[in-house]
Amino acid sequence: MRKSKLELYEDMLSALVDKYVSVDTLAFECNTDCVAVNKRLEFLIKNDLVEKNQCNQKVLYSLTTRGEAVHKALTITERLNKLKASIKIIDKALHKLPTLAEQNEEAAKPPRRDENY
């Protein structure tokens, strides 16, 4: 299935964390073609999330401080969503378990005697 624009932006920001990357490397890490990466890079540069750097006749890209902040926010949001899903599963499991009070009540009841014995 094809990635959405947002997913591609997230992948690109993740690939650019703490390093300088060329378009080819970025396309490889994001598993997409160079043309799509170039279009998305233009948008990220325009919004001051990525900066273009010239190094030895080669163009490399890196995150700006604003880009790092956006990446951290997206990462935290993703972790919180996973945690929220885990909490829902645990909550459902806890509701299915009998409570301690119910167990104590059952243990306190005297055993029934069968009068037909």
N, C-alpha and C. Protein backbone atom coordinates (compact mmCIF):
# COMPACT_ATOMS: atom_id res chain seq x y z
N MET A 1 0.83 -1.18 0.00
CA MET A 1 0.00 0.00 0.00
C MET A 1 0.88 1.25 0.00
N ARG A 2 0.46 2.25 -0.73
CA ARG A 2 1.22 3.47 -0.87
C ARG A 2 1.18 4.32 0.40
N LYS A 3 2.28 4.96 0.72
CA LYS A 3 2.35 5.81 1.90
C LYS A 3 1.62 7.12 1.65
N SER A 4 1.01 7.65 2.70
CA SER A 4 0.40 8.97 2.61
C SER A 4 1.51 10.03 2.67
N LYS A 5 1.16 11.27 2.37
CA LYS A 5 2.15 12.34 2.43
C LYS A 5 2.68 12.49 3.85
N LEU A 6 1.78 12.43 4.82
CA LEU A 6 2.19 12.59 6.21
C LEU A 6 3.16 11.49 6.62
N GLU A 7 2.89 10.26 6.24
CA GLU A 7 3.79 9.15 6.56
C GLU A 7 5.15 9.35 5.92
N LEU A 8 5.17 9.86 4.69
CA LEU A 8 6.44 10.11 4.02
C LEU A 8 7.19 11.24 4.71
N TYR A 9 6.48 12.29 5.12
CA TYR A 9 7.13 13.38 5.86
C TYR A 9 7.72 12.85 7.17
N GLU A 10 6.98 12.02 7.88
CA GLU A 10 7.48 11.44 9.13
C GLU A 10 8.73 10.59 8.88
N ASP A 11 8.69 9.77 7.84
CA ASP A 11 9.85 8.94 7.49
C ASP A 11 11.06 9.79 7.16
N MET A 12 10.83 10.86 6.42
CA MET A 12 11.94 11.74 6.02
C MET A 12 12.54 12.42 7.24
N LEU A 13 11.69 12.92 8.13
CA LEU A 13 12.20 13.57 9.33
C LEU A 13 12.99 12.58 10.18
N SER A 14 12.51 11.36 10.28
CA SER A 14 13.21 10.33 11.05
C SER A 14 14.56 9.99 10.42
N ALA A 15 14.60 9.96 9.11
CA ALA A 15 15.85 9.63 8.41
C ALA A 15 16.88 10.75 8.53
N LEU A 16 16.41 11.98 8.74
CA LEU A 16 17.32 13.13 8.80
C LEU A 16 17.80 13.46 10.22
N VAL A 17 17.33 12.72 11.21
CA VAL A 17 17.72 13.01 12.59
C VAL A 17 19.21 12.78 12.77
N ASP A 18 19.90 13.81 13.27
CA ASP A 18 21.33 13.74 13.63
C ASP A 18 22.28 13.39 12.48
N LYS A 19 21.89 13.66 11.24
CA LYS A 19 22.83 13.38 10.16
C LYS A 19 22.49 14.20 8.91
N TYR A 20 23.47 14.28 8.03
CA TYR A 20 23.30 14.92 6.73
C TYR A 20 23.09 13.82 5.71
N VAL A 21 22.09 13.98 4.86
CA VAL A 21 21.71 12.90 3.94
C VAL A 21 21.48 13.47 2.55
N SER A 22 21.87 12.70 1.53
CA SER A 22 21.60 13.09 0.15
C SER A 22 20.20 12.62 -0.24
N VAL A 23 19.73 13.10 -1.39
CA VAL A 23 18.39 12.73 -1.87
C VAL A 23 18.33 11.22 -2.12
N ASP A 24 19.37 10.66 -2.71
CA ASP A 24 19.40 9.22 -3.00
C ASP A 24 19.29 8.39 -1.72
N THR A 25 20.07 8.76 -0.73
CA THR A 25 20.04 8.03 0.54
C THR A 25 18.69 8.17 1.21
N LEU A 26 18.15 9.38 1.16
CA LEU A 26 16.84 9.63 1.76
C LEU A 26 15.75 8.82 1.06
N ALA A 27 15.81 8.76 -0.26
CA ALA A 27 14.84 7.97 -1.02
C ALA A 27 14.95 6.48 -0.66
N PHE A 28 16.18 6.00 -0.50
CA PHE A 28 16.40 4.60 -0.13
C PHE A 28 15.85 4.31 1.27
N GLU A 29 16.15 5.20 2.23
CA GLU A 29 15.70 4.98 3.61
C GLU A 29 14.18 5.09 3.75
N CYS A 30 13.56 5.92 2.89
CA CYS A 30 12.10 6.08 2.95
C CYS A 30 11.37 5.12 2.02
N ASN A 31 12.14 4.35 1.26
CA ASN A 31 11.58 3.36 0.34
C ASN A 31 10.62 4.01 -0.67
N THR A 32 11.09 5.07 -1.30
CA THR A 32 10.31 5.76 -2.32
C THR A 32 11.24 6.31 -3.39
N ASP A 33 10.69 6.87 -4.44
CA ASP A 33 11.54 7.35 -5.53
C ASP A 33 12.05 8.78 -5.27
N CYS A 34 13.10 9.14 -5.97
CA CYS A 34 13.77 10.44 -5.77
C CYS A 34 12.88 11.63 -6.14
N VAL A 35 12.03 11.46 -7.12
CA VAL A 35 11.15 12.55 -7.55
C VAL A 35 10.19 12.93 -6.42
N ALA A 36 9.59 11.93 -5.79
CA ALA A 36 8.68 12.19 -4.66
C ALA A 36 9.43 12.81 -3.49
N VAL A 37 10.65 12.34 -3.24
CA VAL A 37 11.45 12.88 -2.14
C VAL A 37 11.79 14.34 -2.42
N ASN A 38 12.16 14.67 -3.65
CA ASN A 38 12.46 16.06 -4.00
C ASN A 38 11.26 16.97 -3.77
N LYS A 39 10.07 16.53 -4.18
CA LYS A 39 8.87 17.34 -3.97
C LYS A 39 8.61 17.57 -2.49
N ARG A 40 8.75 16.51 -1.69
CA ARG A 40 8.51 16.64 -0.25
C ARG A 40 9.59 17.47 0.42
N LEU A 41 10.82 17.37 -0.07
CA LEU A 41 11.91 18.18 0.48
C LEU A 41 11.66 19.67 0.25
N GLU A 42 11.15 20.01 -0.93
CA GLU A 42 10.83 21.42 -1.22
C GLU A 42 9.84 21.96 -0.19
N PHE A 43 8.83 21.17 0.12
CA PHE A 43 7.84 21.59 1.11
C PHE A 43 8.47 21.74 2.49
N LEU A 44 9.31 20.79 2.88
CA LEU A 44 9.95 20.84 4.20
C LEU A 44 10.91 22.02 4.31
N ILE A 45 11.62 22.31 3.23
CA ILE A 45 12.54 23.46 3.21
C ILE A 45 11.74 24.76 3.29
N LYS A 46 10.67 24.83 2.54
CA LYS A 46 9.82 26.03 2.53
C LYS A 46 9.26 26.33 3.92
N ASN A 47 8.97 25.28 4.69
CA ASN A 47 8.41 25.44 6.03
C ASN A 47 9.47 25.41 7.13
N ASP A 48 10.73 25.54 6.73
CA ASP A 48 11.86 25.66 7.66
C ASP A 48 12.00 24.46 8.59
N LEU A 49 11.75 23.26 8.06
CA LEU A 49 11.97 22.04 8.83
C LEU A 49 13.26 21.35 8.43
N VAL A 50 13.67 21.58 7.19
CA VAL A 50 14.89 20.97 6.64
C VAL A 50 15.71 22.06 5.99
N GLU A 51 17.03 21.92 6.09
CA GLU A 51 17.91 22.87 5.42
C GLU A 51 18.79 22.16 4.40
N LYS A 52 19.13 22.90 3.36
CA LYS A 52 19.96 22.38 2.27
C LYS A 52 21.40 22.83 2.53
N ASN A 53 22.35 21.89 2.44
CA ASN A 53 23.76 22.20 2.70
C ASN A 53 24.60 21.72 1.52
N GLN A 54 25.56 22.55 1.12
CA GLN A 54 26.48 22.20 0.04
C GLN A 54 27.76 21.66 0.67
N CYS A 55 28.18 20.47 0.26
CA CYS A 55 29.38 19.86 0.82
C CYS A 55 30.11 19.07 -0.27
N ASN A 56 31.29 19.58 -0.67
CA ASN A 56 32.11 18.90 -1.68
C ASN A 56 31.32 18.55 -2.95
N GLN A 57 30.76 19.52 -3.58
CA GLN A 57 30.02 19.34 -4.83
C GLN A 57 28.76 18.48 -4.68
N LYS A 58 28.33 18.22 -3.45
CA LYS A 58 27.18 17.39 -3.21
C LYS A 58 26.19 18.14 -2.32
N VAL A 59 24.91 17.98 -2.59
CA VAL A 59 23.88 18.63 -1.80
C VAL A 59 23.39 17.64 -0.74
N LEU A 60 23.48 18.06 0.52
CA LEU A 60 23.04 17.25 1.63
C LEU A 60 21.96 17.99 2.40
N TYR A 61 21.08 17.24 3.01
CA TYR A 61 19.97 17.82 3.76
C TYR A 61 20.05 17.41 5.21
N SER A 62 19.60 18.32 6.08
CA SER A 62 19.57 18.03 7.52
C SER A 62 18.38 18.76 8.15
N LEU A 63 18.04 18.36 9.36
CA LEU A 63 16.93 18.99 10.07
C LEU A 63 17.36 20.32 10.68
N THR A 64 16.45 21.26 10.70
CA THR A 64 16.66 22.50 11.44
C THR A 64 16.21 22.24 12.88
N THR A 65 16.39 23.21 13.75
CA THR A 65 15.92 23.04 15.12
C THR A 65 14.40 22.90 15.16
N ARG A 66 13.74 23.61 14.27
CA ARG A 66 12.28 23.48 14.19
C ARG A 66 11.89 22.07 13.71
N GLY A 67 12.63 21.55 12.76
CA GLY A 67 12.40 20.19 12.26
C GLY A 67 12.60 19.15 13.35
N GLU A 68 13.64 19.35 14.18
CA GLU A 68 13.88 18.44 15.29
C GLU A 68 12.72 18.47 16.29
N ALA A 69 12.20 19.67 16.56
CA ALA A 69 11.08 19.82 17.49
C ALA A 69 9.83 19.12 16.95
N VAL A 70 9.57 19.27 15.67
CA VAL A 70 8.41 18.61 15.06
C VAL A 70 8.58 17.10 15.11
N HIS A 71 9.78 16.62 14.82
CA HIS A 71 10.05 15.18 14.87
C HIS A 71 9.83 14.64 16.28
N LYS A 72 10.31 15.34 17.29
CA LYS A 72 10.12 14.91 18.68
C LYS A 72 8.64 14.88 19.03
N ALA A 73 7.89 15.88 18.61
CA ALA A 73 6.46 15.92 18.89
C ALA A 73 5.73 14.75 18.24
N LEU A 74 6.08 14.45 17.00
CA LEU A 74 5.46 13.31 16.31
C LEU A 74 5.81 12.00 16.99
N THR A 75 7.04 11.86 17.44
CA THR A 75 7.48 10.64 18.11
C THR A 75 6.75 10.46 19.44
N ILE A 76 6.62 11.53 20.19
CA ILE A 76 5.91 11.46 21.47
C ILE A 76 4.45 11.12 21.25
N THR A 77 3.83 11.72 20.25
CA THR A 77 2.43 11.43 19.94
C THR A 77 2.24 9.97 19.58
N GLU A 78 3.15 9.44 18.79
CA GLU A 78 3.07 8.02 18.39
C GLU A 78 3.20 7.11 19.61
N ARG A 79 4.13 7.43 20.50
CA ARG A 79 4.30 6.62 21.72
C ARG A 79 3.06 6.69 22.60
N LEU A 80 2.49 7.88 22.73
CA LEU A 80 1.28 8.03 23.55
C LEU A 80 0.10 7.24 22.97
N ASN A 81 -0.02 7.22 21.67
CA ASN A 81 -1.09 6.44 21.04
C ASN A 81 -0.91 4.95 21.29
N LYS A 82 0.32 4.46 21.24
CA LYS A 82 0.58 3.05 21.53
C LYS A 82 0.28 2.75 22.99
N LEU A 83 0.67 3.66 23.87
CA LEU A 83 0.40 3.49 25.30
C LEU A 83 -1.10 3.49 25.58
N LYS A 84 -1.82 4.36 24.90
CA LYS A 84 -3.27 4.43 25.06
C LYS A 84 -3.93 3.11 24.65
N ALA A 85 -3.48 2.54 23.56
CA ALA A 85 -4.02 1.26 23.11
C ALA A 85 -3.71 0.14 24.11
N SER A 86 -2.50 0.16 24.66
CA SER A 86 -2.12 -0.85 25.66
C SER A 86 -2.96 -0.72 26.92
N ILE A 87 -3.21 0.50 27.34
CA ILE A 87 -4.02 0.74 28.54
C ILE A 87 -5.44 0.23 28.33
N LYS A 88 -6.00 0.44 27.15
CA LYS A 88 -7.35 -0.06 26.87
C LYS A 88 -7.40 -1.58 26.97
N ILE A 89 -6.40 -2.25 26.45
CA ILE A 89 -6.35 -3.72 26.50
C ILE A 89 -6.24 -4.20 27.95
N ILE A 90 -5.38 -3.56 28.72
CA ILE A 90 -5.21 -3.93 30.12
C ILE A 90 -6.49 -3.67 30.90
N ASP A 91 -7.14 -2.55 30.64
CA ASP A 91 -8.38 -2.21 31.32
C ASP A 91 -9.47 -3.24 31.04
N LYS A 92 -9.60 -3.67 29.80
CA LYS A 92 -10.59 -4.70 29.46
C LYS A 92 -10.29 -6.01 30.18
N ALA A 93 -9.00 -6.36 30.24
CA ALA A 93 -8.61 -7.60 30.91
C ALA A 93 -8.91 -7.52 32.41
N LEU A 94 -8.68 -6.37 33.01
CA LEU A 94 -8.95 -6.22 34.43
C LEU A 94 -10.44 -6.31 34.76
N HIS A 95 -11.28 -5.81 33.88
CA HIS A 95 -12.72 -5.89 34.10
C HIS A 95 -13.23 -7.32 33.99
N LYS A 96 -12.55 -8.14 33.27
CA LYS A 96 -12.97 -9.54 33.12
C LYS A 96 -12.56 -10.38 34.32
N LEU A 97 -11.53 -9.97 35.04
CA LEU A 97 -11.08 -10.72 36.21
C LEU A 97 -12.02 -10.46 37.38
N PRO A 98 -12.29 -11.48 38.20
CA PRO A 98 -13.13 -11.25 39.38
C PRO A 98 -12.38 -10.40 40.40
N THR A 99 -13.11 -9.55 41.08
CA THR A 99 -12.46 -8.69 42.07
C THR A 99 -12.16 -9.48 43.33
N LEU A 100 -11.30 -8.95 44.18
CA LEU A 100 -10.94 -9.62 45.44
C LEU A 100 -12.15 -9.72 46.36
N ALA A 101 -12.99 -8.71 46.37
CA ALA A 101 -14.17 -8.74 47.24
C ALA A 101 -15.09 -9.90 46.85
N GLU A 102 -15.29 -10.11 45.57
CA GLU A 102 -16.13 -11.22 45.11
C GLU A 102 -15.52 -12.56 45.51
N GLN A 103 -14.22 -12.67 45.43
CA GLN A 103 -13.54 -13.91 45.80
C GLN A 103 -13.69 -14.17 47.30
N ASN A 104 -13.57 -13.10 48.11
CA ASN A 104 -13.71 -13.25 49.56
C ASN A 104 -15.12 -13.67 49.93
N GLU A 105 -16.14 -13.12 49.25
CA GLU A 105 -17.52 -13.48 49.52
C GLU A 105 -17.77 -14.95 49.22
N GLU A 106 -17.24 -15.43 48.12
CA GLU A 106 -17.43 -16.82 47.74
C GLU A 106 -16.72 -17.75 48.72
N ALA A 107 -15.57 -17.34 49.20
CA ALA A 107 -14.81 -18.17 50.14
C ALA A 107 -15.50 -18.20 51.52
N ALA A 108 -16.19 -17.14 51.89
CA ALA A 108 -16.83 -17.05 53.20
C ALA A 108 -18.14 -17.85 53.27
N LYS A 109 -18.76 -18.13 52.18
CA LYS A 109 -20.01 -18.88 52.17
C LYS A 109 -19.75 -20.32 52.60
N PRO A 110 -20.61 -20.84 53.49
CA PRO A 110 -20.43 -22.26 53.88
C PRO A 110 -20.80 -23.16 52.71
N PRO A 111 -20.16 -24.29 52.62
CA PRO A 111 -20.47 -25.19 51.52
C PRO A 111 -21.90 -25.74 51.68
N ARG A 112 -22.59 -25.93 50.60
CA ARG A 112 -23.95 -26.46 50.62
C ARG A 112 -23.92 -27.94 50.94
N ARG A 113 -24.91 -28.34 51.73
CA ARG A 113 -25.02 -29.76 52.02
C ARG A 113 -26.23 -30.27 51.27
N ASP A 114 -26.03 -31.34 50.66
CA ASP A 114 -27.12 -31.95 49.91
C ASP A 114 -28.00 -32.74 50.88
N GLU A 115 -29.25 -32.33 51.05
CA GLU A 115 -30.13 -32.96 52.02
C GLU A 115 -30.60 -34.33 51.57
N ASN A 116 -30.48 -34.65 50.30
CA ASN A 116 -30.91 -35.95 49.82
C ASN A 116 -29.82 -37.01 50.01
N TYR A 117 -28.75 -36.69 50.59
CA TYR A 117 -27.63 -37.59 50.76
C TYR A 117 -27.93 -38.66 51.71
